[in-house]
C-alpha atoms as a PDB file:
ATOM      1  CA  MET A   1      98.628 100.780 119.552  1.00  0.00           C
ATOM      2  CA  LEU A   2     100.013 103.833 117.770  1.00  0.00           C
ATOM      3  CA  VAL A   3      98.340 104.735 114.486  1.00  0.00           C
ATOM      4  CA  SER A   4      99.768 107.423 112.267  1.00  0.00           C
ATOM      5  CA  ALA A   5      97.562 110.054 110.681  1.00  0.00           C
ATOM      6  CA  VAL A   6      97.152 109.343 106.971  1.00  0.00           C
ATOM      7  CA  VAL A   7      98.894 111.917 104.816  1.00  0.00           C
ATOM      8  CA  LYS A   8      96.779 112.868 101.796  1.00  0.00           C
ATOM      9  CA  THR A   9      98.468 112.125  98.483  1.00  0.00           C
ATOM     10  CA  SER A  10      97.105 112.869  95.013  1.00  0.00           C
ATOM     11  CA  PRO A  11      96.606 109.894  92.650  1.00  0.00           C
ATOM     12  CA  TRP A  12      99.347 111.036  90.266  1.00  0.00           C
ATOM     13  CA  GLN A  13     101.783 111.635  93.103  1.00  0.00           C
ATOM     14  CA  LEU A  14     100.968 108.190  94.489  1.00  0.00           C
ATOM     15  CA  LEU A  15     101.587 106.575  91.097  1.00  0.00           C
ATOM     16  CA  ARG A  16     104.854 108.499  90.722  1.00  0.00           C
ATOM     17  CA  ILE A  17     106.077 107.434  94.177  1.00  0.00           C
ATOM     18  CA  TRP A  18     105.349 103.746  93.604  1.00  0.00           C
ATOM     19  CA  THR A  19     106.818 103.867  90.098  1.00  0.00           C
ATOM     20  CA  LEU A  20     110.066 105.199  91.579  1.00  0.00           C
ATOM     21  CA  ILE A  21     110.069 102.317  94.054  1.00  0.00           C
ATOM     22  CA  GLY A  22     109.413  99.872  91.196  1.00  0.00           C
ATOM     23  CA  ILE A  23     112.308 101.288  89.180  1.00  0.00           C
ATOM     24  CA  GLN A  24     114.672 100.902  92.167  1.00  0.00           C
ATOM     25  CA  SER A  25     113.483  97.429  93.216  1.00  0.00           C
ATOM     26  CA  PHE A  26     116.685  95.565  92.466  1.00  0.00           C
ATOM     27  CA  GLY A  27     117.839  92.811  94.797  1.00  0.00           C
ATOM     28  CA  GLY A  28     114.646  90.963  95.604  1.00  0.00           C
ATOM     29  CA  GLY A  29     112.025  91.186  98.314  1.00  0.00           C
ATOM     30  CA  SER A  30     114.168  92.503 101.167  1.00  0.00           C
ATOM     31  CA  ALA A  31     115.526  95.348  99.031  1.00  0.00           C
ATOM     32  CA  THR A  32     112.001  96.249  97.878  1.00  0.00           C
ATOM     33  CA  LEU A  33     110.705  96.089 101.442  1.00  0.00           C
ATOM     34  CA  PHE A  34     113.552  98.362 102.535  1.00  0.00           C
ATOM     35  CA  LEU A  35     112.554 100.896  99.854  1.00  0.00           C
ATOM     36  CA  ILE A  36     108.892 100.669 100.847  1.00  0.00           C
ATOM     37  CA  ARG A  37     109.744 101.265 104.500  1.00  0.00           C
ATOM     38  CA  ARG A  38     111.962 104.241 103.699  1.00  0.00           C
ATOM     39  CA  THR A  39     109.256 105.783 101.517  1.00  0.00           C
ATOM     40  CA  ALA A  40     106.119 104.987 103.543  1.00  0.00           C
ATOM     41  CA  VAL A  41     107.569 105.608 107.019  1.00  0.00           C
ATOM     42  CA  GLU A  42     110.467 108.059 106.706  1.00  0.00           C
ATOM     43  CA  GLN A  43     109.673 110.165 103.636  1.00  0.00           C
ATOM     44  CA  GLN A  44     105.884 110.214 103.169  1.00  0.00           C
ATOM     45  CA  HIS A  45     104.844 109.489 106.788  1.00  0.00           C
ATOM     46  CA  TRP A  46     101.944 107.314 105.662  1.00  0.00           C
ATOM     47  CA  LEU A  47     102.748 104.785 108.396  1.00  0.00           C
ATOM     48  CA  THR A  48     104.679 104.440 111.624  1.00  0.00           C
ATOM     49  CA  ASP A  49     107.269 101.677 111.971  1.00  0.00           C
ATOM     50  CA  GLU A  50     104.761  99.840 114.147  1.00  0.00           C
ATOM     51  CA  ASP A  51     102.046 100.145 111.472  1.00  0.00           C
ATOM     52  CA  LEU A  52     104.416  98.749 108.845  1.00  0.00           C
ATOM     53  CA  SER A  53     105.413  95.810 111.041  1.00  0.00           C
ATOM     54  CA  ARG A  54     101.767  94.961 111.715  1.00  0.00           C
ATOM     55  CA  TYR A  55     100.847  95.241 108.024  1.00  0.00           C
ATOM     56  CA  TRP A  56     103.794  93.016 107.120  1.00  0.00           C
ATOM     57  CA  GLY A  57     102.692  90.496 109.738  1.00  0.00           C
ATOM     58  CA  ILE A  58      99.198  90.432 108.216  1.00  0.00           C
ATOM     59  CA  CYS A  59     100.715  89.793 104.781  1.00  0.00           C
ATOM     60  CA  GLN A  60     102.793  86.870 106.101  1.00  0.00           C
ATOM     61  CA  ILE A  61      99.753  84.786 107.042  1.00  0.00           C
ATOM     62  CA  ALA A  62      98.406  84.737 103.477  1.00  0.00           C
ATOM     63  CA  PRO A  63      99.870  82.667 100.633  1.00  0.00           C
ATOM     64  CA  GLY A  64     101.356  84.296  97.559  1.00  0.00           C
ATOM     65  CA  ILE A  65     103.680  87.227  97.022  1.00  0.00           C
ATOM     66  CA  ASN A  66     103.529  89.017 100.366  1.00  0.00           C
ATOM     67  CA  ILE A  67     105.138  92.223  99.127  1.00  0.00           C
ATOM     68  CA  LEU A  68     102.195  92.773  96.775  1.00  0.00           C
ATOM     69  CA  GLY A  69      99.779  92.405  99.661  1.00  0.00           C
ATOM     70  CA  LEU A  70     101.734  95.028 101.590  1.00  0.00           C
ATOM     71  CA  VAL A  71     101.679  97.412  98.625  1.00  0.00           C
ATOM     72  CA  ILE A  72      97.902  96.988  98.312  1.00  0.00           C
ATOM     73  CA  LEU A  73      97.379  97.604 102.050  1.00  0.00           C
ATOM     74  CA  ILE A  74      99.475 100.775 102.021  1.00  0.00           C
ATOM     75  CA  GLY A  75      97.875 102.064  98.813  1.00  0.00           C
ATOM     76  CA  PHE A  76      94.406 101.391 100.221  1.00  0.00           C
ATOM     77  CA  ARG A  77      95.243 103.180 103.460  1.00  0.00           C
ATOM     78  CA  VAL A  78      96.490 106.250 101.580  1.00  0.00           C
ATOM     79  CA  SER A  79      93.791 106.543  98.874  1.00  0.00           C
ATOM     80  CA  GLY A  80      91.295 103.703  99.125  1.00  0.00           C
ATOM     81  CA  GLY A  81      90.676 101.304  96.233  1.00  0.00           C
ATOM     82  CA  ALA A  82      92.176 103.653  93.652  1.00  0.00           C
ATOM     83  CA  GLY A  83      95.280 104.000  95.801  1.00  0.00           C
ATOM     84  CA  ALA A  84      95.662 100.228  96.022  1.00  0.00           C
ATOM     85  CA  ALA A  85      95.411  99.879  92.225  1.00  0.00           C
ATOM     86  CA  LEU A  86      97.812 102.768  91.553  1.00  0.00           C
ATOM     87  CA  ALA A  87     100.361 101.509  94.086  1.00  0.00           C
ATOM     88  CA  LEU A  88     100.303  98.018  92.603  1.00  0.00           C
ATOM     89  CA  ALA A  89     100.566  99.295  89.007  1.00  0.00           C
ATOM     90  CA  GLY A  90     103.367 101.688  89.926  1.00  0.00           C
ATOM     91  CA  LEU A  91     105.397  98.961  91.598  1.00  0.00           C
ATOM     92  CA  LEU A  92     104.849  96.210  89.023  1.00  0.00           C
ATOM     93  CA  LEU A  93     104.990  97.864  85.609  1.00  0.00           C
ATOM     94  CA  PRO A  94     108.525  99.309  85.692  1.00  0.00           C
ATOM     95  CA  SER A  95     110.041  96.416  87.626  1.00  0.00           C
ATOM     96  CA  ALA A  96     108.492  93.840  85.262  1.00  0.00           C
ATOM     97  CA  ALA A  97     109.767  95.737  82.216  1.00  0.00           C
ATOM     98  CA  ILE A  98     113.267  96.106  83.696  1.00  0.00           C
ATOM     99  CA  THR A  99     113.348  92.424  84.705  1.00  0.00           C
ATOM    100  CA  ALA A 100     112.384  91.321  81.187  1.00  0.00           C
ATOM    101  CA  ALA A 101     115.047  93.572  79.641  1.00  0.00           C
ATOM    102  CA  LEU A 102     117.774  92.485  82.065  1.00  0.00           C
ATOM    103  CA  THR A 103     116.932  88.816  81.565  1.00  0.00           C
ATOM    104  CA  ALA A 104     117.315  89.198  77.802  1.00  0.00           C
ATOM    105  CA  VAL A 105     120.666  90.996  78.201  1.00  0.00           C
ATOM    106  CA  TYR A 106     121.920  88.602  80.906  1.00  0.00           C
ATOM    107  CA  ALA A 107     121.481  85.605  78.624  1.00  0.00           C
ATOM    108  CA  SER A 108     124.184  86.983  76.317  1.00  0.00           C
ATOM    109  CA  ILE A 109     126.690  88.191  78.969  1.00  0.00           C
ATOM    110  CA  ARG A 110     126.226  85.777  81.871  1.00  0.00           C
ATOM    111  CA  ASP A 111     129.593  84.035  81.366  1.00  0.00           C
ATOM    112  CA  LEU A 112     131.687  87.215  81.630  1.00  0.00           C
ATOM    113  CA  PRO A 113     133.873  87.352  84.799  1.00  0.00           C
ATOM    114  CA  VAL A 114     132.758  90.915  85.557  1.00  0.00           C
ATOM    115  CA  ILE A 115     129.118  89.757  85.652  1.00  0.00           C
ATOM    116  CA  HIS A 116     129.996  86.966  88.102  1.00  0.00           C
ATOM    117  CA  ALA A 117     131.816  89.498  90.287  1.00  0.00           C
ATOM    118  CA  ALA A 118     128.886  91.923  90.193  1.00  0.00           C
ATOM    119  CA  ILE A 119     126.417  89.222  91.229  1.00  0.00           C
ATOM    120  CA  SER A 120     128.768  88.160  94.038  1.00  0.00           C
ATOM    121  CA  GLY A 121     128.643  91.737  95.338  1.00  0.00           C
ATOM    122  CA  ILE A 122     124.870  92.059  95.090  1.00  0.00           C
ATOM    123  CA  VAL A 123     124.151  89.081  97.365  1.00  0.00           C
ATOM    124  CA  PRO A 124     125.914  90.446 100.500  1.00  0.00           C
ATOM    125  CA  ALA A 125     124.342  93.861  99.909  1.00  0.00           C
ATOM    126  CA  THR A 126     120.832  92.397  99.894  1.00  0.00           C
ATOM    127  CA  VAL A 127     121.628  90.406 103.048  1.00  0.00           C
ATOM    128  CA  GLY A 128     122.778  93.631 104.720  1.00  0.00           C
ATOM    129  CA  LEU A 129     119.581  95.410 103.694  1.00  0.00           C
ATOM    130  CA  GLY A 130     117.574  92.496 105.058  1.00  0.00           C
ATOM    131  CA  LEU A 131     119.363  92.680 108.428  1.00  0.00           C
ATOM    132  CA  ILE A 132     118.760  96.427 108.737  1.00  0.00           C
ATOM    133  CA  LEU A 133     115.131  95.954 107.751  1.00  0.00           C
ATOM    134  CA  GLY A 134     114.625  93.132 110.249  1.00  0.00           C
ATOM    135  CA  TYR A 135     116.119  95.251 113.028  1.00  0.00           C
ATOM    136  CA  SER A 136     113.986  98.287 112.156  1.00  0.00           C
ATOM    137  CA  MET A 137     110.808  96.170 112.116  1.00  0.00           C
ATOM    138  CA  LEU A 138     111.662  94.326 115.338  1.00  0.00           C
ATOM    139  CA  LEU A 139     112.199  97.404 117.509  1.00  0.00           C
ATOM    140  CA  PRO A 140     108.665  98.867 117.299  1.00  0.00           C
ATOM    141  CA  LEU A 141     107.108  95.475 117.988  1.00  0.00           C
ATOM    142  CA  LEU A 142     109.252  94.985 121.097  1.00  0.00           C
ATOM    143  CA  SER A 143     108.477  98.543 122.207  1.00  0.00           C
ATOM    144  CA  SER A 144     104.757  97.893 121.780  1.00  0.00           C
ATOM    145  CA  ALA A 145     105.027  94.646 123.736  1.00  0.00           C
ATOM    146  CA  ARG A 146     106.957  96.445 126.499  1.00  0.00           C
ATOM    147  CA  ARG A 147     104.166  99.038 126.751  1.00  0.00           C
ATOM    148  CA  ASP A 148     101.682  96.178 127.159  1.00  0.00           C
ATOM    149  CA  GLY A 149     103.635  94.884 130.180  1.00  0.00           C
ATOM    150  CA  ARG A 150     106.489  92.595 131.121  1.00  0.00           C
ATOM    151  CA  ASP A 151     104.584  89.408 130.222  1.00  0.00           C
ATOM    152  CA  ALA A 152     103.858  90.664 126.684  1.00  0.00           C
ATOM    153  CA  ALA A 153     107.524  91.610 126.218  1.00  0.00           C
ATOM    154  CA  VAL A 154     108.670  88.154 127.365  1.00  0.00           C
ATOM    155  CA  VAL A 155     106.191  86.450 125.010  1.00  0.00           C
ATOM    156  CA  ALA A 156     107.352  88.645 122.083  1.00  0.00           C
ATOM    157  CA  VAL A 157     111.042  87.839 122.684  1.00  0.00           C
ATOM    158  CA  LEU A 158     110.325  84.120 123.087  1.00  0.00           C
ATOM    159  CA  LEU A 159     108.311  84.088 119.852  1.00  0.00           C
ATOM    160  CA  VAL A 160     111.121  85.817 117.947  1.00  0.00           C
ATOM    161  CA  VAL A 161     113.730  83.358 119.237  1.00  0.00           C
ATOM    162  CA  ALA A 162     111.556  80.239 118.883  1.00  0.00           C
ATOM    163  CA  SER A 163     110.465  81.173 115.348  1.00  0.00           C
ATOM    164  CA  ALA A 164     114.045  81.849 114.272  1.00  0.00           C
ATOM    165  CA  LEU A 165     115.254  78.538 115.728  1.00  0.00           C
ATOM    166  CA  ALA A 166     112.377  76.593 114.188  1.00  0.00           C
ATOM    167  CA  ALA A 167     113.049  78.114 110.763  1.00  0.00           C
ATOM    168  CA  ALA A 168     116.825  77.633 110.997  1.00  0.00           C
ATOM    169  CA  PHE A 169     117.088  74.138 112.477  1.00  0.00           C
ATOM    170  CA  THR A 170     113.907  72.255 111.601  1.00  0.00           C
ATOM    171  CA  ARG A 171     111.907  71.502 108.505  1.00  0.00           C
ATOM    172  CA  THR A 172     108.785  73.046 110.007  1.00  0.00           C
ATOM    173  CA  PRO A 173     106.672  74.613 107.245  1.00  0.00           C
ATOM    174  CA  VAL A 174     106.723  78.417 107.361  1.00  0.00           C
ATOM    175  CA  PRO A 175     102.899  78.739 107.550  1.00  0.00           C
ATOM    176  CA  LEU A 176     102.929  76.464 110.617  1.00  0.00           C
ATOM    177  CA  ILE A 177     105.544  78.668 112.309  1.00  0.00           C
ATOM    178  CA  LEU A 178     103.534  81.811 111.554  1.00  0.00           C
ATOM    179  CA  TRP A 179     100.175  80.404 112.606  1.00  0.00           C
ATOM    180  CA  SER A 180     101.675  78.851 115.764  1.00  0.00           C
ATOM    181  CA  ALA A 181     103.274  82.142 116.773  1.00  0.00           C
ATOM    182  CA  GLY A 182      99.980  83.942 116.156  1.00  0.00           C
ATOM    183  CA  GLY A 183      98.106  81.348 118.221  1.00  0.00           C
ATOM    184  CA  VAL A 184     100.545  81.584 121.132  1.00  0.00           C
ATOM    185  CA  ALA A 185     100.327  85.397 121.109  1.00  0.00           C
ATOM    186  CA  ALA A 186      96.506  85.279 120.989  1.00  0.00           C
ATOM    187  CA  ILE A 187      96.341  82.841 123.926  1.00  0.00           C
ATOM    188  CA  ALA A 188      98.802  84.956 125.930  1.00  0.00           C
ATOM    189  CA  GLN A 189      96.722  88.079 125.259  1.00  0.00           C
ATOM    190  CA  TRP A 190      93.496  86.278 126.212  1.00  0.00           C
ATOM    191  CA  ARG A 191      95.016  85.047 129.500  1.00  0.00           C
ATOM    192  CA  HIS A 192      96.340  88.522 130.255  1.00  0.00           C
ATOM    193  CA  ALA A 193      92.906  90.058 129.594  1.00  0.00           C
ATOM    194  CA  SER A 194      91.208  87.377 131.735  1.00  0.00           C
ATOM    195  CA  ARG A 195      93.524  88.102 134.686  1.00  0.00           C
ATOM    196  CA  GLY A 196      92.822  91.836 134.269  1.00  0.00           C
ATOM    197  CA  ASN A 197      89.056  91.261 134.367  1.00  0.00           C
ATOM    198  CA  ARG A 198      89.322  89.167 137.564  1.00  0.00           C
ATOM    199  CA  SER A 199      91.371  91.799 139.402  1.00  0.00           C
END
């Protein structure tokens, strides 16, 4: 597994970076996750794409607001407990203030045709960001599985397809899909390791 070297960041710089993400976090979770990836992987080099995908996977198995768990993990990796607190404060304070202000304004202008048109344009944009984000998180995981061998790559592809189909066409609870995929991957890894020990 590839692990990036942690780039040292001062507390004030860390707070400033996460505040900028919080200010730009329009469009929901996928837009925020896109901003986090661009900042943490491409601009600050705190993580590799593979690190981010693994962190995001860890956050998916816990209940609650997963994006906050990811922010805490990244902040902790960069600057320990203080980094986790600063990252969380930087993300939440501006976005909560902006959300409260926009909600108050929206109540008085929500029936205007231009507002309806704007919202209609925001939805496809967030879907597009989500697709790009999904693609950028999928590639490093498939590359990692390919490095682990053909069997690991096949298992990874099957898990992606089976999870997508289960979510799209059944009423299977999301935690069950996640835990099942994790269990299948763990069993496949255990069997692979057992065969390696026998040979």
